[in-house]
Amino acid sequence: MASVYRQAAKSAGVANKGKRKADDGAAAADGEGAPGIRRNKQRVLMLPSRGVTSRMRHLINDLETLMPHSKKDSKLDSKSQLHLLNELAELHNCNNTLYFEARKAEDLYMWASKTPNGPSAKFHVHNIHTMDELKMTGNCLKGSRPLLSFDKAFDESPHWTLIKEMFTHMFGVPRGARRSKPFVDHVLSFSIVDNKVWFRNYQIIENDPGATALIAAAEGAEGKKSRPKQEAKQPTLVEIGPRMVLSPIRVFEGSFGGATVFENPEYISPNTIRHQLRKEKGEKFATRVNQNEALKTKRAKLKSDAKEDVLSRKSVFA
């Protein structure tokens, strides 16, 4: 729009240097007029399903705080018609979608999709800890851009490389995004342990050289003996949360469906685990009942097979 206005002003003979300079700066910031500059336009739509618990809801709110380029929508009623999410993403002008699906009020699944053409991946979310639960001492600026740290294991397998690229588009805040601040003060870490993705958030704590110089100048002005110079400390990381573990289930070719690109052979659903636990508990109860019945049968058999003693009271006083 700025380039169109400049062309119209030039054809009309308008000589407004200040306005033209301002328009030139705006166009340079937007990437217009500079074919070599590519603007990152990644927007993420975040929404949960019906039946989420308070912990799940707090986790989604924490992730929304960490992602200023995200847009949040109301809960989705249907859990079977996931193709509706592509239409919602198009309405919100988003090219990425994070959908959190709750099952039985205790299992949480996360869908990560590049709408509308894919690919997409489904994860099982467990070991959830929100910012309020952790109560850690770290803090970072709301809306600041994060550094993304990926484990080197992401480059060893094709499906991990694909997941890394999807997470880079979704969790990486583009420059100049809405509600974002021009600061980088925290790190989002993605590590692979036991074929699961461990998500952590750390604050970057650095020394302030300006404050150290002001203290030294104030001490010199007062005539105090200056303190010996200390070596510059390396930046440290402090975890501030949230934290979670993502178990990959499947990677699909399309958005929220399509051909299966990767399926995790080690994944066991929570329903199967709970069924196995109930089965083991039932087997323990059945074993205990069978042992009691066997003991009763043995006692009855021993009592019936016992021979009468000649010195018993019944034989002597008969």
C-alpha atoms as a PDB file:
ATOM      1  CA  MET A   1       0.000   0.000   0.000  1.00  0.00           C
ATOM      2  CA  ALA A   2       2.879   2.353   0.755  1.00  0.00           C
ATOM      3  CA  SER A   3       4.445   1.736  -2.666  1.00  0.00           C
ATOM      4  CA  VAL A   4       1.124   2.502  -4.381  1.00  0.00           C
ATOM      5  CA  TYR A   5       0.847   5.769  -2.439  1.00  0.00           C
ATOM      6  CA  ARG A   6       4.385   6.775  -3.430  1.00  0.00           C
ATOM      7  CA  GLN A   7       3.681   6.144  -7.104  1.00  0.00           C
ATOM      8  CA  ALA A   8       0.488   8.195  -6.915  1.00  0.00           C
ATOM      9  CA  ALA A   9       2.263  11.043  -5.126  1.00  0.00           C
ATOM     10  CA  LYS A  10       5.111  10.998  -7.634  1.00  0.00           C
ATOM     11  CA  SER A  11       2.729  11.154 -10.599  1.00  0.00           C
ATOM     12  CA  ALA A  12       0.825  14.050  -8.995  1.00  0.00           C
ATOM     13  CA  GLY A  13       4.027  15.978  -8.369  1.00  0.00           C
ATOM     14  CA  VAL A  14       3.729  16.038  -4.609  1.00  0.00           C
ATOM     15  CA  ALA A  15       7.056  17.067  -3.038  1.00  0.00           C
ATOM     16  CA  ASN A  16       6.806  15.915   0.530  1.00  0.00           C
ATOM     17  CA  LYS A  17      10.251  14.671   1.510  1.00  0.00           C
ATOM     18  CA  GLY A  18       9.417  13.876   5.121  1.00  0.00           C
ATOM     19  CA  LYS A  19       6.412  11.783   4.174  1.00  0.00           C
ATOM     20  CA  ARG A  20       8.346  10.007   1.452  1.00  0.00           C
ATOM     21  CA  LYS A  21      11.120   9.093   3.861  1.00  0.00           C
ATOM     22  CA  ALA A  22       8.646   7.740   6.369  1.00  0.00           C
ATOM     23  CA  ASP A  23       6.988   5.675   3.671  1.00  0.00           C
ATOM     24  CA  ASP A  24      10.355   4.351   2.538  1.00  0.00           C
ATOM     25  CA  GLY A  25      11.152   3.232   6.103  1.00  0.00           C
ATOM     26  CA  ALA A  26       7.789   1.527   6.486  1.00  0.00           C
ATOM     27  CA  ALA A  27       8.231  -0.279   3.194  1.00  0.00           C
ATOM     28  CA  ALA A  28      11.706  -1.434   4.170  1.00  0.00           C
ATOM     29  CA  ALA A  29      10.394  -2.723   7.492  1.00  0.00           C
ATOM     30  CA  ASP A  30       7.607  -4.642   5.752  1.00  0.00           C
ATOM     31  CA  GLY A  31       9.962  -6.110   3.170  1.00  0.00           C
ATOM     32  CA  GLU A  32       8.270  -4.309   0.260  1.00  0.00           C
ATOM     33  CA  GLY A  33      10.449  -3.008  -2.508  1.00  0.00           C
ATOM     34  CA  ALA A  34      13.326  -5.280  -1.433  1.00  0.00           C
ATOM     35  CA  PRO A  35      13.064  -8.577  -3.330  1.00  0.00           C
ATOM     36  CA  GLY A  36      15.960 -10.102  -1.379  1.00  0.00           C
ATOM     37  CA  ILE A  37      14.193  -9.799   1.991  1.00  0.00           C
ATOM     38  CA  ARG A  38      11.797 -12.607   2.889  1.00  0.00           C
ATOM     39  CA  ARG A  39       9.276 -11.884   5.611  1.00  0.00           C
ATOM     40  CA  ASN A  40       8.347 -14.719   7.953  1.00  0.00           C
ATOM     41  CA  LYS A  41       4.560 -14.846   8.248  1.00  0.00           C
ATOM     42  CA  GLN A  42       3.958 -17.729  10.616  1.00  0.00           C
ATOM     43  CA  ARG A  43       0.751 -17.598  12.648  1.00  0.00           C
ATOM     44  CA  VAL A  44      -0.474 -20.346  14.949  1.00  0.00           C
ATOM     45  CA  LEU A  45      -4.078 -21.167  15.844  1.00  0.00           C
ATOM     46  CA  MET A  46      -4.424 -22.738  19.310  1.00  0.00           C
ATOM     47  CA  LEU A  47      -7.623 -24.300  20.575  1.00  0.00           C
ATOM     48  CA  PRO A  48      -8.651 -27.147  22.911  1.00  0.00           C
ATOM     49  CA  SER A  49     -11.479 -29.644  22.733  1.00  0.00           C
ATOM     50  CA  ARG A  50     -14.354 -30.165  25.117  1.00  0.00           C
ATOM     51  CA  GLY A  51     -13.557 -31.912  28.371  1.00  0.00           C
ATOM     52  CA  VAL A  52     -10.190 -30.335  29.216  1.00  0.00           C
ATOM     53  CA  THR A  53      -9.257 -30.171  32.889  1.00  0.00           C
ATOM     54  CA  SER A  54      -7.901 -27.161  34.758  1.00  0.00           C
ATOM     55  CA  ARG A  55      -4.294 -28.324  34.405  1.00  0.00           C
ATOM     56  CA  MET A  56      -4.699 -28.784  30.649  1.00  0.00           C
ATOM     57  CA  ARG A  57      -6.301 -25.362  30.355  1.00  0.00           C
ATOM     58  CA  HIS A  58      -3.465 -23.717  32.314  1.00  0.00           C
ATOM     59  CA  LEU A  59      -0.909 -25.433  30.076  1.00  0.00           C
ATOM     60  CA  ILE A  60      -2.588 -24.044  26.965  1.00  0.00           C
ATOM     61  CA  ASN A  61      -2.652 -20.561  28.507  1.00  0.00           C
ATOM     62  CA  ASP A  62       1.062 -20.807  29.335  1.00  0.00           C
ATOM     63  CA  LEU A  63       1.893 -21.819  25.766  1.00  0.00           C
ATOM     64  CA  GLU A  64      -0.205 -18.956  24.446  1.00  0.00           C
ATOM     65  CA  THR A  65       1.794 -16.561  26.644  1.00  0.00           C
ATOM     66  CA  LEU A  66       5.047 -17.908  25.212  1.00  0.00           C
ATOM     67  CA  MET A  67       3.783 -17.560  21.624  1.00  0.00           C
ATOM     68  CA  PRO A  68       2.732 -13.954  20.920  1.00  0.00           C
ATOM     69  CA  HIS A  69       2.116 -14.800  17.248  1.00  0.00           C
ATOM     70  CA  SER A  70      -0.653 -17.261  18.172  1.00  0.00           C
ATOM     71  CA  LYS A  71      -4.406 -16.813  18.006  1.00  0.00           C
ATOM     72  CA  LYS A  72      -6.751 -18.606  20.373  1.00  0.00           C
ATOM     73  CA  ASP A  73     -10.210 -19.871  19.502  1.00  0.00           C
ATOM     74  CA  SER A  74     -13.050 -21.371  21.519  1.00  0.00           C
ATOM     75  CA  LYS A  75     -13.321 -25.078  22.261  1.00  0.00           C
ATOM     76  CA  LEU A  76     -14.124 -27.449  19.428  1.00  0.00           C
ATOM     77  CA  ASP A  77     -17.214 -29.554  20.058  1.00  0.00           C
ATOM     78  CA  SER A  78     -16.531 -32.409  17.633  1.00  0.00           C
ATOM     79  CA  LYS A  79     -13.586 -34.790  18.102  1.00  0.00           C
ATOM     80  CA  SER A  80     -14.205 -36.752  14.903  1.00  0.00           C
ATOM     81  CA  GLN A  81     -14.558 -33.981  12.311  1.00  0.00           C
ATOM     82  CA  LEU A  82     -11.045 -32.578  12.525  1.00  0.00           C
ATOM     83  CA  HIS A  83     -11.210 -31.225   8.970  1.00  0.00           C
ATOM     84  CA  LEU A  84     -13.122 -28.284  10.449  1.00  0.00           C
ATOM     85  CA  LEU A  85      -9.839 -27.070  11.932  1.00  0.00           C
ATOM     86  CA  ASN A  86      -8.522 -26.300   8.441  1.00  0.00           C
ATOM     87  CA  GLU A  87     -11.460 -23.969   7.861  1.00  0.00           C
ATOM     88  CA  LEU A  88     -10.981 -22.306  11.243  1.00  0.00           C
ATOM     89  CA  ALA A  89      -7.305 -21.741  10.489  1.00  0.00           C
ATOM     90  CA  GLU A  90      -8.212 -20.171   7.165  1.00  0.00           C
ATOM     91  CA  LEU A  91     -10.747 -17.875   8.838  1.00  0.00           C
ATOM     92  CA  HIS A  92      -8.107 -16.726  11.346  1.00  0.00           C
ATOM     93  CA  ASN A  93      -5.469 -16.354   8.605  1.00  0.00           C
ATOM     94  CA  CYS A  94      -3.206 -18.957  10.279  1.00  0.00           C
ATOM     95  CA  ASN A  95      -0.929 -21.435   8.528  1.00  0.00           C
ATOM     96  CA  ASN A  96      -0.185 -23.542  11.660  1.00  0.00           C
ATOM     97  CA  THR A  97      -2.553 -25.207  14.130  1.00  0.00           C
ATOM     98  CA  LEU A  98      -2.032 -26.657  17.607  1.00  0.00           C
ATOM     99  CA  TYR A  99      -5.111 -28.622  18.671  1.00  0.00           C
ATOM    100  CA  PHE A 100      -5.267 -30.112  22.181  1.00  0.00           C
ATOM    101  CA  GLU A 101      -7.649 -33.060  22.379  1.00  0.00           C
ATOM    102  CA  ALA A 102      -8.772 -34.310  25.802  1.00  0.00           C
ATOM    103  CA  ARG A 103     -10.008 -37.863  26.293  1.00  0.00           C
ATOM    104  CA  LYS A 104     -11.774 -39.209  29.413  1.00  0.00           C
ATOM    105  CA  ALA A 105     -10.758 -36.075  31.351  1.00  0.00           C
ATOM    106  CA  GLU A 106      -7.289 -37.515  31.992  1.00  0.00           C
ATOM    107  CA  ASP A 107      -5.528 -38.031  28.641  1.00  0.00           C
ATOM    108  CA  LEU A 108      -4.290 -35.102  26.539  1.00  0.00           C
ATOM    109  CA  TYR A 109      -3.255 -35.356  22.891  1.00  0.00           C
ATOM    110  CA  MET A 110      -1.670 -32.582  20.843  1.00  0.00           C
ATOM    111  CA  TRP A 111      -2.151 -32.242  17.098  1.00  0.00           C
ATOM    112  CA  ALA A 112       0.474 -30.135  15.292  1.00  0.00           C
ATOM    113  CA  SER A 113      -0.472 -29.397  11.696  1.00  0.00           C
ATOM    114  CA  LYS A 114       0.594 -27.217   8.794  1.00  0.00           C
ATOM    115  CA  THR A 115      -2.759 -26.139   7.456  1.00  0.00           C
ATOM    116  CA  PRO A 116      -4.304 -26.663   4.992  1.00  0.00           C
ATOM    117  CA  ASN A 117      -2.095 -29.143   3.111  1.00  0.00           C
ATOM    118  CA  GLY A 118      -0.097 -30.793   5.881  1.00  0.00           C
ATOM    119  CA  PRO A 119       1.912 -32.519   7.153  1.00  0.00           C
ATOM    120  CA  SER A 120       0.582 -33.116  10.652  1.00  0.00           C
ATOM    121  CA  ALA A 121       1.651 -35.059  13.731  1.00  0.00           C
ATOM    122  CA  LYS A 122      -0.170 -36.423  16.763  1.00  0.00           C
ATOM    123  CA  PHE A 123       1.474 -36.553  20.200  1.00  0.00           C
ATOM    124  CA  HIS A 124       0.466 -37.855  23.605  1.00  0.00           C
ATOM    125  CA  VAL A 125       1.140 -35.186  26.246  1.00  0.00           C
ATOM    126  CA  HIS A 126       2.061 -36.355  29.742  1.00  0.00           C
ATOM    127  CA  ASN A 127       4.140 -35.211  32.729  1.00  0.00           C
ATOM    128  CA  ILE A 128       2.511 -31.783  32.552  1.00  0.00           C
ATOM    129  CA  HIS A 129       3.717 -29.045  34.902  1.00  0.00           C
ATOM    130  CA  THR A 130       2.418 -25.504  34.503  1.00  0.00           C
ATOM    131  CA  MET A 131       4.053 -22.242  35.590  1.00  0.00           C
ATOM    132  CA  ASP A 132       1.830 -21.981  38.663  1.00  0.00           C
ATOM    133  CA  GLU A 133       2.744 -25.486  39.811  1.00  0.00           C
ATOM    134  CA  LEU A 134       6.502 -25.076  39.420  1.00  0.00           C
ATOM    135  CA  LYS A 135       6.739 -21.741  41.310  1.00  0.00           C
ATOM    136  CA  MET A 136      10.281 -21.161  40.126  1.00  0.00           C
ATOM    137  CA  THR A 137      12.284 -17.982  40.635  1.00  0.00           C
ATOM    138  CA  GLY A 138      12.906 -17.228  36.967  1.00  0.00           C
ATOM    139  CA  ASN A 139      10.987 -14.680  34.963  1.00  0.00           C
ATOM    140  CA  CYS A 140      11.022 -13.343  31.412  1.00  0.00           C
ATOM    141  CA  LEU A 141       9.388 -10.540  29.468  1.00  0.00           C
ATOM    142  CA  LYS A 142       5.927 -11.360  28.212  1.00  0.00           C
ATOM    143  CA  GLY A 143       5.911 -11.393  24.427  1.00  0.00           C
ATOM    144  CA  SER A 144       9.677 -11.691  23.988  1.00  0.00           C
ATOM    145  CA  ARG A 145      11.066 -13.861  21.211  1.00  0.00           C
ATOM    146  CA  PRO A 146      12.630 -17.198  22.229  1.00  0.00           C
ATOM    147  CA  LEU A 147      15.698 -19.075  21.073  1.00  0.00           C
ATOM    148  CA  LEU A 148      14.895 -22.601  19.903  1.00  0.00           C
ATOM    149  CA  SER A 149      17.318 -25.311  21.015  1.00  0.00           C
ATOM    150  CA  PHE A 150      16.990 -28.751  19.397  1.00  0.00           C
ATOM    151  CA  ASP A 151      18.792 -31.933  20.306  1.00  0.00           C
ATOM    152  CA  LYS A 152      21.214 -33.275  17.676  1.00  0.00           C
ATOM    153  CA  ALA A 153      19.101 -36.455  17.573  1.00  0.00           C
ATOM    154  CA  PHE A 154      16.509 -34.525  15.535  1.00  0.00           C
ATOM    155  CA  ASP A 155      18.866 -34.718  12.530  1.00  0.00           C
ATOM    156  CA  GLU A 156      19.383 -38.485  12.716  1.00  0.00           C
ATOM    157  CA  SER A 157      15.957 -39.670  11.499  1.00  0.00           C
ATOM    158  CA  PRO A 158      13.666 -38.289   8.778  1.00  0.00           C
ATOM    159  CA  HIS A 159      10.556 -38.154  10.973  1.00  0.00           C
ATOM    160  CA  TRP A 160      12.439 -36.261  13.715  1.00  0.00           C
ATOM    161  CA  THR A 161      13.725 -33.797  11.099  1.00  0.00           C
ATOM    162  CA  LEU A 162      10.159 -33.223   9.908  1.00  0.00           C
ATOM    163  CA  ILE A 163       8.945 -32.679  13.490  1.00  0.00           C
ATOM    164  CA  LYS A 164      11.823 -30.258  14.099  1.00  0.00           C
ATOM    165  CA  GLU A 165      10.835 -28.195  11.056  1.00  0.00           C
ATOM    166  CA  MET A 166       7.196 -28.096  12.196  1.00  0.00           C
ATOM    167  CA  PHE A 167       8.164 -27.012  15.730  1.00  0.00           C
ATOM    168  CA  THR A 168      10.450 -24.328  14.264  1.00  0.00           C
ATOM    169  CA  HIS A 169       7.514 -22.834  12.348  1.00  0.00           C
ATOM    170  CA  MET A 170       5.120 -23.051  15.297  1.00  0.00           C
ATOM    171  CA  PHE A 171       7.193 -22.120  18.347  1.00  0.00           C
ATOM    172  CA  GLY A 172       9.590 -19.742  16.612  1.00  0.00           C
ATOM    173  CA  VAL A 173       8.208 -16.207  16.944  1.00  0.00           C
ATOM    174  CA  PRO A 174       8.791 -14.317  13.674  1.00  0.00           C
ATOM    175  CA  ARG A 175      10.358 -10.892  13.742  1.00  0.00           C
ATOM    176  CA  GLY A 176       7.771  -8.145  13.929  1.00  0.00           C
ATOM    177  CA  ALA A 177       4.939 -10.478  14.951  1.00  0.00           C
ATOM    178  CA  ARG A 178       1.913  -9.054  16.692  1.00  0.00           C
ATOM    179  CA  ARG A 179       2.216  -8.627  20.472  1.00  0.00           C
ATOM    180  CA  SER A 180       5.923  -9.525  20.293  1.00  0.00           C
ATOM    181  CA  LYS A 181       8.702  -7.537  21.960  1.00  0.00           C
ATOM    182  CA  PRO A 182      12.127  -6.929  20.386  1.00  0.00           C
ATOM    183  CA  PHE A 183      13.936  -8.903  23.095  1.00  0.00           C
ATOM    184  CA  VAL A 184      15.355 -12.417  23.338  1.00  0.00           C
ATOM    185  CA  ASP A 185      15.554 -13.509  26.971  1.00  0.00           C
ATOM    186  CA  HIS A 186      14.459 -17.163  27.095  1.00  0.00           C
ATOM    187  CA  VAL A 187      15.206 -20.496  25.423  1.00  0.00           C
ATOM    188  CA  LEU A 188      12.747 -23.208  24.383  1.00  0.00           C
ATOM    189  CA  SER A 189      14.524 -26.550  24.608  1.00  0.00           C
ATOM    190  CA  PHE A 190      13.440 -29.683  22.717  1.00  0.00           C
ATOM    191  CA  SER A 191      15.333 -32.834  23.718  1.00  0.00           C
ATOM    192  CA  ILE A 192      14.818 -36.441  22.689  1.00  0.00           C
ATOM    193  CA  VAL A 193      15.020 -38.956  25.546  1.00  0.00           C
ATOM    194  CA  ASP A 194      13.559 -42.490  25.249  1.00  0.00           C
ATOM    195  CA  ASN A 195      12.046 -41.562  21.855  1.00  0.00           C
ATOM    196  CA  LYS A 196      10.033 -38.776  23.490  1.00  0.00           C
ATOM    197  CA  VAL A 197      10.299 -35.005  23.104  1.00  0.00           C
ATOM    198  CA  TRP A 198      11.024 -33.225  26.390  1.00  0.00           C
ATOM    199  CA  PHE A 199       9.871 -29.596  26.303  1.00  0.00           C
ATOM    200  CA  ARG A 200      11.517 -27.103  28.684  1.00  0.00           C
ATOM    201  CA  ASN A 201      11.589 -23.304  28.969  1.00  0.00           C
ATOM    202  CA  TYR A 202      14.631 -21.499  30.402  1.00  0.00           C
ATOM    203  CA  GLN A 203      15.347 -17.863  31.147  1.00  0.00           C
ATOM    204  CA  ILE A 204      18.686 -16.389  30.037  1.00  0.00           C
ATOM    205  CA  ILE A 205      20.396 -14.539  32.907  1.00  0.00           C
ATOM    206  CA  GLU A 206      23.298 -12.305  31.879  1.00  0.00           C
ATOM    207  CA  ASN A 207      25.562  -9.854  33.659  1.00  0.00           C
ATOM    208  CA  ASP A 208      24.727  -6.201  33.143  1.00  0.00           C
ATOM    209  CA  PRO A 209      28.002  -4.472  32.090  1.00  0.00           C
ATOM    210  CA  GLY A 210      26.381  -1.048  32.342  1.00  0.00           C
ATOM    211  CA  ALA A 211      25.487  -1.524  35.995  1.00  0.00           C
ATOM    212  CA  THR A 212      29.020  -2.729  36.792  1.00  0.00           C
ATOM    213  CA  ALA A 213      30.531   0.341  35.090  1.00  0.00           C
ATOM    214  CA  LEU A 214      28.206   2.705  36.988  1.00  0.00           C
ATOM    215  CA  ILE A 215      29.158   1.144  40.332  1.00  0.00           C
ATOM    216  CA  ALA A 216      32.864   1.453  39.529  1.00  0.00           C
ATOM    217  CA  ALA A 217      32.428   5.105  38.462  1.00  0.00           C
ATOM    218  CA  ALA A 218      30.493   5.944  41.631  1.00  0.00           C
ATOM    219  CA  GLU A 219      33.133   4.365  43.830  1.00  0.00           C
ATOM    220  CA  GLY A 220      35.892   6.272  42.000  1.00  0.00           C
ATOM    221  CA  ALA A 221      34.072   9.582  42.416  1.00  0.00           C
ATOM    222  CA  GLU A 222      33.694   9.006  46.169  1.00  0.00           C
ATOM    223  CA  GLY A 223      37.378   8.182  46.514  1.00  0.00           C
ATOM    224  CA  LYS A 224      36.773   4.609  47.508  1.00  0.00           C
ATOM    225  CA  LYS A 225      39.157   1.916  46.560  1.00  0.00           C
ATOM    226  CA  SER A 226      37.890   0.212  43.479  1.00  0.00           C
ATOM    227  CA  ARG A 227      37.129  -3.475  43.720  1.00  0.00           C
ATOM    228  CA  PRO A 228      39.324  -5.921  41.828  1.00  0.00           C
ATOM    229  CA  LYS A 229      38.024  -6.707  38.391  1.00  0.00           C
ATOM    230  CA  GLN A 230      36.194  -9.979  38.148  1.00  0.00           C
ATOM    231  CA  GLU A 231      36.094 -12.185  35.156  1.00  0.00           C
ATOM    232  CA  ALA A 232      33.017 -11.907  33.005  1.00  0.00           C
ATOM    233  CA  LYS A 233      30.544 -14.592  33.984  1.00  0.00           C
ATOM    234  CA  GLN A 234      28.929 -16.747  31.363  1.00  0.00           C
ATOM    235  CA  PRO A 235      25.158 -16.470  30.898  1.00  0.00           C
ATOM    236  CA  THR A 236      23.192 -18.960  32.975  1.00  0.00           C
ATOM    237  CA  LEU A 237      19.855 -20.655  32.368  1.00  0.00           C
ATOM    238  CA  VAL A 238      17.034 -20.849  34.913  1.00  0.00           C
ATOM    239  CA  GLU A 239      13.978 -22.978  34.231  1.00  0.00           C
ATOM    240  CA  ILE A 240      10.701 -21.091  34.452  1.00  0.00           C
ATOM    241  CA  GLY A 241       8.231 -23.577  32.948  1.00  0.00           C
ATOM    242  CA  PRO A 242       5.965 -24.889  31.657  1.00  0.00           C
ATOM    243  CA  ARG A 243       7.290 -28.374  31.070  1.00  0.00           C
ATOM    244  CA  MET A 244       5.824 -31.409  29.337  1.00  0.00           C
ATOM    245  CA  VAL A 245       6.770 -34.610  27.529  1.00  0.00           C
ATOM    246  CA  LEU A 246       5.471 -35.404  24.031  1.00  0.00           C
ATOM    247  CA  SER A 247       5.254 -39.017  22.874  1.00  0.00           C
ATOM    248  CA  PRO A 248       4.907 -39.174  19.070  1.00  0.00           C
ATOM    249  CA  ILE A 249       2.120 -41.421  17.861  1.00  0.00           C
ATOM    250  CA  ARG A 250       1.831 -40.843  14.113  1.00  0.00           C
ATOM    251  CA  VAL A 251       2.920 -38.426  11.417  1.00  0.00           C
ATOM    252  CA  PHE A 252       0.412 -37.892   8.601  1.00  0.00           C
ATOM    253  CA  GLU A 253       0.970 -36.622   5.103  1.00  0.00           C
ATOM    254  CA  GLY A 254      -2.075 -34.348   5.105  1.00  0.00           C
ATOM    255  CA  SER A 255      -3.517 -31.923   7.607  1.00  0.00           C
ATOM    256  CA  PHE A 256      -5.270 -33.838  10.441  1.00  0.00           C
ATOM    257  CA  GLY A 257      -5.306 -37.022   8.392  1.00  0.00           C
ATOM    258  CA  GLY A 258      -4.120 -38.648   5.217  1.00  0.00           C
ATOM    259  CA  ALA A 259      -1.503 -41.287   4.545  1.00  0.00           C
ATOM    260  CA  THR A 260       0.638 -42.347   7.498  1.00  0.00           C
ATOM    261  CA  VAL A 261       4.247 -41.250   7.041  1.00  0.00           C
ATOM    262  CA  PHE A 262       5.530 -42.555  10.389  1.00  0.00           C
ATOM    263  CA  GLU A 263       4.019 -44.680  13.151  1.00  0.00           C
ATOM    264  CA  ASN A 264       5.702 -45.148  16.509  1.00  0.00           C
ATOM    265  CA  PRO A 265       5.974 -48.911  17.182  1.00  0.00           C
ATOM    266  CA  GLU A 266       6.849 -48.334  20.864  1.00  0.00           C
ATOM    267  CA  TYR A 267       3.781 -46.284  21.688  1.00  0.00           C
ATOM    268  CA  ILE A 268       1.188 -47.880  23.966  1.00  0.00           C
ATOM    269  CA  SER A 269      -2.082 -46.057  24.474  1.00  0.00           C
ATOM    270  CA  PRO A 270      -3.162 -45.080  28.016  1.00  0.00           C
ATOM    271  CA  ASN A 271      -6.309 -47.193  27.637  1.00  0.00           C
ATOM    272  CA  THR A 272      -4.189 -50.289  26.999  1.00  0.00           C
ATOM    273  CA  ILE A 273      -2.025 -49.528  30.037  1.00  0.00           C
ATOM    274  CA  ARG A 274      -5.058 -49.039  32.288  1.00  0.00           C
ATOM    275  CA  HIS A 275      -6.641 -52.234  30.923  1.00  0.00           C
ATOM    276  CA  GLN A 276      -3.445 -54.154  31.655  1.00  0.00           C
ATOM    277  CA  LEU A 277      -3.308 -52.775  35.210  1.00  0.00           C
ATOM    278  CA  ARG A 278      -6.937 -53.740  35.853  1.00  0.00           C
ATOM    279  CA  LYS A 279      -6.280 -57.180  34.381  1.00  0.00           C
ATOM    280  CA  GLU A 280      -3.274 -57.719  36.647  1.00  0.00           C
ATOM    281  CA  LYS A 281      -5.303 -56.581  39.638  1.00  0.00           C
ATOM    282  CA  GLY A 282      -8.111 -58.972  38.699  1.00  0.00           C
ATOM    283  CA  GLU A 283      -5.647 -61.815  38.251  1.00  0.00           C
ATOM    284  CA  LYS A 284      -4.255 -61.206  41.749  1.00  0.00           C
ATOM    285  CA  PHE A 285      -7.781 -61.337  43.212  1.00  0.00           C
ATOM    286  CA  ALA A 286      -8.621 -64.505  41.263  1.00  0.00           C
ATOM    287  CA  THR A 287      -5.376 -66.135  42.421  1.00  0.00           C
ATOM    288  CA  ARG A 288      -6.178 -65.310  46.056  1.00  0.00           C
ATOM    289  CA  VAL A 289      -9.712 -66.734  45.748  1.00  0.00           C
ATOM    290  CA  ASN A 290      -8.394 -69.917  44.111  1.00  0.00           C
ATOM    291  CA  GLN A 291      -5.862 -70.352  46.901  1.00  0.00           C
ATOM    292  CA  ASN A 292      -8.582 -70.052  49.561  1.00  0.00           C
ATOM    293  CA  GLU A 293     -10.763 -72.583  47.747  1.00  0.00           C
ATOM    294  CA  ALA A 294      -7.834 -74.957  47.376  1.00  0.00           C
ATOM    295  CA  LEU A 295      -7.084 -74.676  51.096  1.00  0.00           C
ATOM    296  CA  LYS A 296     -10.692 -75.443  52.037  1.00  0.00           C
ATOM    297  CA  THR A 297     -10.743 -78.445  49.716  1.00  0.00           C
ATOM    298  CA  LYS A 298      -7.489 -79.750  51.149  1.00  0.00           C
ATOM    299  CA  ARG A 299      -8.730 -79.440  54.726  1.00  0.00           C
ATOM    300  CA  ALA A 300     -11.972 -81.262  53.880  1.00  0.00           C
ATOM    301  CA  LYS A 301     -10.060 -84.031  52.147  1.00  0.00           C
ATOM    302  CA  LEU A 302      -7.661 -84.475  55.066  1.00  0.00           C
ATOM    303  CA  LYS A 303     -10.594 -84.582  57.470  1.00  0.00           C
ATOM    304  CA  SER A 304     -12.437 -87.220  55.480  1.00  0.00           C
ATOM    305  CA  ASP A 305      -9.357 -89.376  54.886  1.00  0.00           C
ATOM    306  CA  ALA A 306      -8.255 -89.323  58.552  1.00  0.00           C
ATOM    307  CA  LYS A 307      -8.465 -92.784  60.330  1.00  0.00           C
ATOM    308  CA  GLU A 308     -10.194 -93.102  63.685  1.00  0.00           C
ATOM    309  CA  ASP A 309      -7.771 -93.265  66.622  1.00  0.00           C
ATOM    310  CA  VAL A 310      -8.184 -96.232  68.998  1.00  0.00           C
ATOM    311  CA  LEU A 311      -7.342 -94.052  71.972  1.00  0.00           C
ATOM    312  CA  SER A 312      -9.824 -91.346  71.079  1.00  0.00           C
ATOM    313  CA  ARG A 313     -12.531 -90.421  73.592  1.00  0.00           C
ATOM    314  CA  LYS A 314     -15.205 -91.878  71.366  1.00  0.00           C
ATOM    315  CA  SER A 315     -13.486 -95.280  71.229  1.00  0.00           C
ATOM    316  CA  VAL A 316     -12.573 -95.481  74.944  1.00  0.00           C
ATOM    317  CA  PHE A 317     -15.888 -94.323  76.464  1.00  0.00           C
ATOM    318  CA  ALA A 318     -18.168 -95.843  73.904  1.00  0.00           C
END
